[in-house]
Amino acid sequence: MASGVLGWSPNVFWKSTPHEFFASLEERTKSNSPDDKSDSEEDFAQFRQKLERANVI
């Protein structure tokens, strides 16, 4: 799931916490919902930036 759905490398997956992994899946699910996709994509991008700043991805 992490590599296919989230596009994470194995290294990123093993460095992440369970909370980060499930939060990422939740955000990805929201970004794929048909409701106001542009807002969800922006939220996911912001979340991804937070993970990058925390050196998770």
PDB file of N, CA and C in Angstrom:
ATOM      1  N   MET A   1       0.807  -1.191   0.000  1.00  0.00           N
ATOM      2  CA  MET A   1       0.000   0.000   0.000  1.00  0.00           C
ATOM      3  C   MET A   1       0.854   1.260   0.000  1.00  0.00           C
ATOM      4  N   ALA A   2       1.867   1.295   0.817  1.00  0.00           N
ATOM      5  CA  ALA A   2       2.666   2.512   0.918  1.00  0.00           C
ATOM      6  C   ALA A   2       3.341   2.849  -0.399  1.00  0.00           C
ATOM      7  N   SER A   3       3.860   1.855  -1.074  1.00  0.00           N
ATOM      8  CA  SER A   3       4.540   2.154  -2.335  1.00  0.00           C
ATOM      9  C   SER A   3       3.546   2.344  -3.473  1.00  0.00           C
ATOM     10  N   GLY A   4       2.474   1.558  -3.503  1.00  0.00           N
ATOM     11  CA  GLY A   4       1.510   1.658  -4.593  1.00  0.00           C
ATOM     12  C   GLY A   4       0.576   2.842  -4.471  1.00  0.00           C
ATOM     13  N   VAL A   5      -0.054   2.986  -3.330  1.00  0.00           N
ATOM     14  CA  VAL A   5      -1.057   4.030  -3.146  1.00  0.00           C
ATOM     15  C   VAL A   5      -0.410   5.376  -2.831  1.00  0.00           C
ATOM     16  N   LEU A   6       0.564   5.369  -1.957  1.00  0.00           N
ATOM     17  CA  LEU A   6       1.172   6.624  -1.516  1.00  0.00           C
ATOM     18  C   LEU A   6       2.415   7.007  -2.312  1.00  0.00           C
ATOM     19  N   GLY A   7       2.984   6.053  -3.017  1.00  0.00           N
ATOM     20  CA  GLY A   7       4.190   6.328  -3.787  1.00  0.00           C
ATOM     21  C   GLY A   7       5.446   6.402  -2.925  1.00  0.00           C
ATOM     22  N   TRP A   8       5.387   5.813  -1.734  1.00  0.00           N
ATOM     23  CA  TRP A   8       6.537   5.834  -0.829  1.00  0.00           C
ATOM     24  C   TRP A   8       7.528   4.744  -1.216  1.00  0.00           C
ATOM     25  N   SER A   9       8.787   5.028  -1.003  1.00  0.00           N
ATOM     26  CA  SER A   9       9.814   3.997  -1.150  1.00  0.00           C
ATOM     27  C   SER A   9       9.798   3.136   0.112  1.00  0.00           C
ATOM     28  N   PRO A  10      10.374   1.926   0.056  1.00  0.00           N
ATOM     29  CA  PRO A  10      10.428   1.102   1.274  1.00  0.00           C
ATOM     30  C   PRO A  10      11.119   1.822   2.433  1.00  0.00           C
ATOM     31  N   ASN A  11      12.154   2.586   2.128  1.00  0.00           N
ATOM     32  CA  ASN A  11      12.882   3.312   3.164  1.00  0.00           C
ATOM     33  C   ASN A  11      11.973   4.316   3.879  1.00  0.00           C
ATOM     34  N   VAL A  12      11.161   5.018   3.120  1.00  0.00           N
ATOM     35  CA  VAL A  12      10.235   5.990   3.709  1.00  0.00           C
ATOM     36  C   VAL A  12       9.212   5.272   4.578  1.00  0.00           C
ATOM     37  N   PHE A  13       8.690   4.163   4.077  1.00  0.00           N
ATOM     38  CA  PHE A  13       7.709   3.406   4.849  1.00  0.00           C
ATOM     39  C   PHE A  13       8.289   2.973   6.193  1.00  0.00           C
ATOM     40  N   TRP A  14       9.483   2.414   6.191  1.00  0.00           N
ATOM     41  CA  TRP A  14      10.056   1.890   7.438  1.00  0.00           C
ATOM     42  C   TRP A  14      10.458   2.994   8.401  1.00  0.00           C
ATOM     43  N   LYS A  15      10.674   4.218   7.905  1.00  0.00           N
ATOM     44  CA  LYS A  15      10.983   5.348   8.783  1.00  0.00           C
ATOM     45  C   LYS A  15       9.727   5.996   9.357  1.00  0.00           C
ATOM     46  N   SER A  16       8.575   5.723   8.761  1.00  0.00           N
ATOM     47  CA  SER A  16       7.333   6.362   9.212  1.00  0.00           C
ATOM     48  C   SER A  16       6.766   5.647  10.440  1.00  0.00           C
ATOM     49  N   THR A  17       5.974   6.399  11.182  1.00  0.00           N
ATOM     50  CA  THR A  17       5.270   5.812  12.322  1.00  0.00           C
ATOM     51  C   THR A  17       3.921   5.289  11.828  1.00  0.00           C
ATOM     52  N   PRO A  18       3.282   4.414  12.587  1.00  0.00           N
ATOM     53  CA  PRO A  18       1.937   3.975  12.189  1.00  0.00           C
ATOM     54  C   PRO A  18       0.978   5.157  12.025  1.00  0.00           C
ATOM     55  N   HIS A  19       1.101   6.150  12.884  1.00  0.00           N
ATOM     56  CA  HIS A  19       0.236   7.328  12.782  1.00  0.00           C
ATOM     57  C   HIS A  19       0.452   8.042  11.444  1.00  0.00           C
ATOM     58  N   GLU A  20       1.701   8.240  11.053  1.00  0.00           N
ATOM     59  CA  GLU A  20       1.997   8.910   9.785  1.00  0.00           C
ATOM     60  C   GLU A  20       1.459   8.111   8.600  1.00  0.00           C
ATOM     61  N   PHE A  21       1.618   6.806   8.664  1.00  0.00           N
ATOM     62  CA  PHE A  21       1.150   5.952   7.579  1.00  0.00           C
ATOM     63  C   PHE A  21      -0.367   6.039   7.428  1.00  0.00           C
ATOM     64  N   PHE A  22      -1.099   5.861   8.524  1.00  0.00           N
ATOM     65  CA  PHE A  22      -2.552   5.882   8.434  1.00  0.00           C
ATOM     66  C   PHE A  22      -3.096   7.277   8.152  1.00  0.00           C
ATOM     67  N   ALA A  23      -2.427   8.303   8.655  1.00  0.00           N
ATOM     68  CA  ALA A  23      -2.838   9.669   8.332  1.00  0.00           C
ATOM     69  C   ALA A  23      -2.632   9.946   6.846  1.00  0.00           C
ATOM     70  N   SER A  24      -1.558   9.426   6.294  1.00  0.00           N
ATOM     71  CA  SER A  24      -1.302   9.584   4.863  1.00  0.00           C
ATOM     72  C   SER A  24      -2.352   8.875   4.035  1.00  0.00           C
ATOM     73  N   LEU A  25      -2.715   7.670   4.444  1.00  0.00           N
ATOM     74  CA  LEU A  25      -3.779   6.951   3.729  1.00  0.00           C
ATOM     75  C   LEU A  25      -5.095   7.714   3.803  1.00  0.00           C
ATOM     76  N   GLU A  26      -5.388   8.264   4.967  1.00  0.00           N
ATOM     77  CA  GLU A  26      -6.629   9.024   5.128  1.00  0.00           C
ATOM     78  C   GLU A  26      -6.643  10.246   4.213  1.00  0.00           C
ATOM     79  N   GLU A  27      -5.529  10.965   4.176  1.00  0.00           N
ATOM     80  CA  GLU A  27      -5.447  12.140   3.315  1.00  0.00           C
ATOM     81  C   GLU A  27      -5.528  11.754   1.838  1.00  0.00           C
ATOM     82  N   ARG A  28      -4.912  10.647   1.498  1.00  0.00           N
ATOM     83  CA  ARG A  28      -4.974  10.179   0.106  1.00  0.00           C
ATOM     84  C   ARG A  28      -6.407   9.812  -0.273  1.00  0.00           C
ATOM     85  N   THR A  29      -7.115   9.181   0.638  1.00  0.00           N
ATOM     86  CA  THR A  29      -8.515   8.834   0.397  1.00  0.00           C
ATOM     87  C   THR A  29      -9.341  10.094   0.205  1.00  0.00           C
ATOM     88  N   LYS A  30      -9.108  11.090   1.034  1.00  0.00           N
ATOM     89  CA  LYS A  30      -9.829  12.354   0.898  1.00  0.00           C
ATOM     90  C   LYS A  30      -9.519  13.011  -0.437  1.00  0.00           C
ATOM     91  N   SER A  31      -8.254  12.947  -0.863  1.00  0.00           N
ATOM     92  CA  SER A  31      -7.879  13.604  -2.117  1.00  0.00           C
ATOM     93  C   SER A  31      -8.475  12.898  -3.332  1.00  0.00           C
ATOM     94  N   ASN A  32      -8.877  11.652  -3.176  1.00  0.00           N
ATOM     95  CA  ASN A  32      -9.483  10.915  -4.279  1.00  0.00           C
ATOM     96  C   ASN A  32     -10.998  10.931  -4.245  1.00  0.00           C
ATOM     97  N   SER A  33     -11.576  11.604  -3.260  1.00  0.00           N
ATOM     98  CA  SER A  33     -13.030  11.660  -3.184  1.00  0.00           C
ATOM     99  C   SER A  33     -13.551  12.630  -4.241  1.00  0.00           C
ATOM    100  N   PRO A  34     -14.752  12.404  -4.742  1.00  0.00           N
ATOM    101  CA  PRO A  34     -15.288  13.280  -5.779  1.00  0.00           C
ATOM    102  C   PRO A  34     -15.692  14.670  -5.273  1.00  0.00           C
ATOM    103  N   ASP A  35     -15.749  14.866  -3.966  1.00  0.00           N
ATOM    104  CA  ASP A  35     -16.160  16.149  -3.394  1.00  0.00           C
ATOM    105  C   ASP A  35     -15.012  17.145  -3.388  1.00  0.00           C
ATOM    106  N   ASP A  36     -15.164  18.227  -4.089  1.00  0.00           N
ATOM    107  CA  ASP A  36     -14.215  19.338  -4.103  1.00  0.00           C
ATOM    108  C   ASP A  36     -12.770  18.875  -4.118  1.00  0.00           C
ATOM    109  N   LYS A  37     -12.387  18.279  -5.189  1.00  0.00           N
ATOM    110  CA  LYS A  37     -11.073  17.667  -5.320  1.00  0.00           C
ATOM    111  C   LYS A  37      -9.935  18.668  -5.151  1.00  0.00           C
ATOM    112  N   SER A  38     -10.096  19.883  -5.602  1.00  0.00           N
ATOM    113  CA  SER A  38      -8.996  20.849  -5.531  1.00  0.00           C
ATOM    114  C   SER A  38      -8.595  21.143  -4.082  1.00  0.00           C
ATOM    115  N   ASP A  39      -9.568  21.270  -3.184  1.00  0.00           N
ATOM    116  CA  ASP A  39      -9.248  21.496  -1.773  1.00  0.00           C
ATOM    117  C   ASP A  39      -8.531  20.294  -1.175  1.00  0.00           C
ATOM    118  N   SER A  40      -8.986  19.094  -1.506  1.00  0.00           N
ATOM    119  CA  SER A  40      -8.365  17.888  -0.978  1.00  0.00           C
ATOM    120  C   SER A  40      -6.940  17.745  -1.482  1.00  0.00           C
ATOM    121  N   GLU A  41      -6.710  18.055  -2.736  1.00  0.00           N
ATOM    122  CA  GLU A  41      -5.355  17.965  -3.281  1.00  0.00           C
ATOM    123  C   GLU A  41      -4.437  18.960  -2.588  1.00  0.00           C
ATOM    124  N   GLU A  42      -4.936  20.147  -2.310  1.00  0.00           N
ATOM    125  CA  GLU A  42      -4.134  21.138  -1.611  1.00  0.00           C
ATOM    126  C   GLU A  42      -3.832  20.674  -0.194  1.00  0.00           C
ATOM    127  N   ASP A  43      -4.820  20.122   0.500  1.00  0.00           N
ATOM    128  CA  ASP A  43      -4.608  19.596   1.849  1.00  0.00           C
ATOM    129  C   ASP A  43      -3.557  18.497   1.841  1.00  0.00           C
ATOM    130  N   PHE A  44      -3.634  17.598   0.860  1.00  0.00           N
ATOM    131  CA  PHE A  44      -2.669  16.510   0.774  1.00  0.00           C
ATOM    132  C   PHE A  44      -1.270  17.057   0.509  1.00  0.00           C
ATOM    133  N   ALA A  45      -1.167  18.052  -0.345  1.00  0.00           N
ATOM    134  CA  ALA A  45       0.132  18.656  -0.647  1.00  0.00           C
ATOM    135  C   ALA A  45       0.734  19.285   0.615  1.00  0.00           C
ATOM    136  N   GLN A  46      -0.094  19.961   1.400  1.00  0.00           N
ATOM    137  CA  GLN A  46       0.388  20.548   2.644  1.00  0.00           C
ATOM    138  C   GLN A  46       0.823  19.473   3.631  1.00  0.00           C
ATOM    139  N   PHE A  47       0.051  18.400   3.707  1.00  0.00           N
ATOM    140  CA  PHE A  47       0.400  17.298   4.596  1.00  0.00           C
ATOM    141  C   PHE A  47       1.721  16.659   4.161  1.00  0.00           C
ATOM    142  N   ARG A  48       1.888  16.477   2.848  1.00  0.00           N
ATOM    143  CA  ARG A  48       3.120  15.893   2.329  1.00  0.00           C
ATOM    144  C   ARG A  48       4.320  16.788   2.655  1.00  0.00           C
ATOM    145  N   GLN A  49       4.144  18.105   2.562  1.00  0.00           N
ATOM    146  CA  GLN A  49       5.227  19.025   2.912  1.00  0.00           C
ATOM    147  C   GLN A  49       5.618  18.881   4.371  1.00  0.00           C
ATOM    148  N   LYS A  50       4.631  18.685   5.250  1.00  0.00           N
ATOM    149  CA  LYS A  50       4.932  18.482   6.666  1.00  0.00           C
ATOM    150  C   LYS A  50       5.754  17.210   6.856  1.00  0.00           C
ATOM    151  N   LEU A  51       5.401  16.145   6.138  1.00  0.00           N
ATOM    152  CA  LEU A  51       6.156  14.897   6.236  1.00  0.00           C
ATOM    153  C   LEU A  51       7.572  15.091   5.719  1.00  0.00           C
ATOM    154  N   GLU A  52       7.728  15.846   4.635  1.00  0.00           N
ATOM    155  CA  GLU A  52       9.053  16.097   4.087  1.00  0.00           C
ATOM    156  C   GLU A  52       9.897  16.897   5.059  1.00  0.00           C
ATOM    157  N   ARG A  53       9.293  17.918   5.701  1.00  0.00           N
ATOM    158  CA  ARG A  53      10.042  18.699   6.690  1.00  0.00           C
ATOM    159  C   ARG A  53      10.457  17.830   7.878  1.00  0.00           C
ATOM    160  N   ALA A  54       9.675  16.815   8.196  1.00  0.00           N
ATOM    161  CA  ALA A  54      10.002  15.924   9.302  1.00  0.00           C
ATOM    162  C   ALA A  54      10.928  14.792   8.858  1.00  0.00           C
ATOM    163  N   ASN A  55      11.399  14.869   7.608  1.00  0.00           N
ATOM    164  CA  ASN A  55      12.302  13.860   7.024  1.00  0.00           C
ATOM    165  C   ASN A  55      11.692  12.462   7.006  1.00  0.00           C
ATOM    166  N   VAL A  56      10.379  12.395   6.818  1.00  0.00           N
ATOM    167  CA  VAL A  56       9.712  11.100   6.703  1.00  0.00           C
ATOM    168  C   VAL A  56       9.718  10.658   5.252  1.00  0.00           C
ATOM    169  N   ILE A  57       9.539  11.602   4.345  1.00  0.00           N
ATOM    170  CA  ILE A  57       9.591  11.289   2.912  1.00  0.00           C
ATOM    171  C   ILE A  57      10.539  12.203   2.210  1.00  0.00           C
TER     172      ILE A  57
END
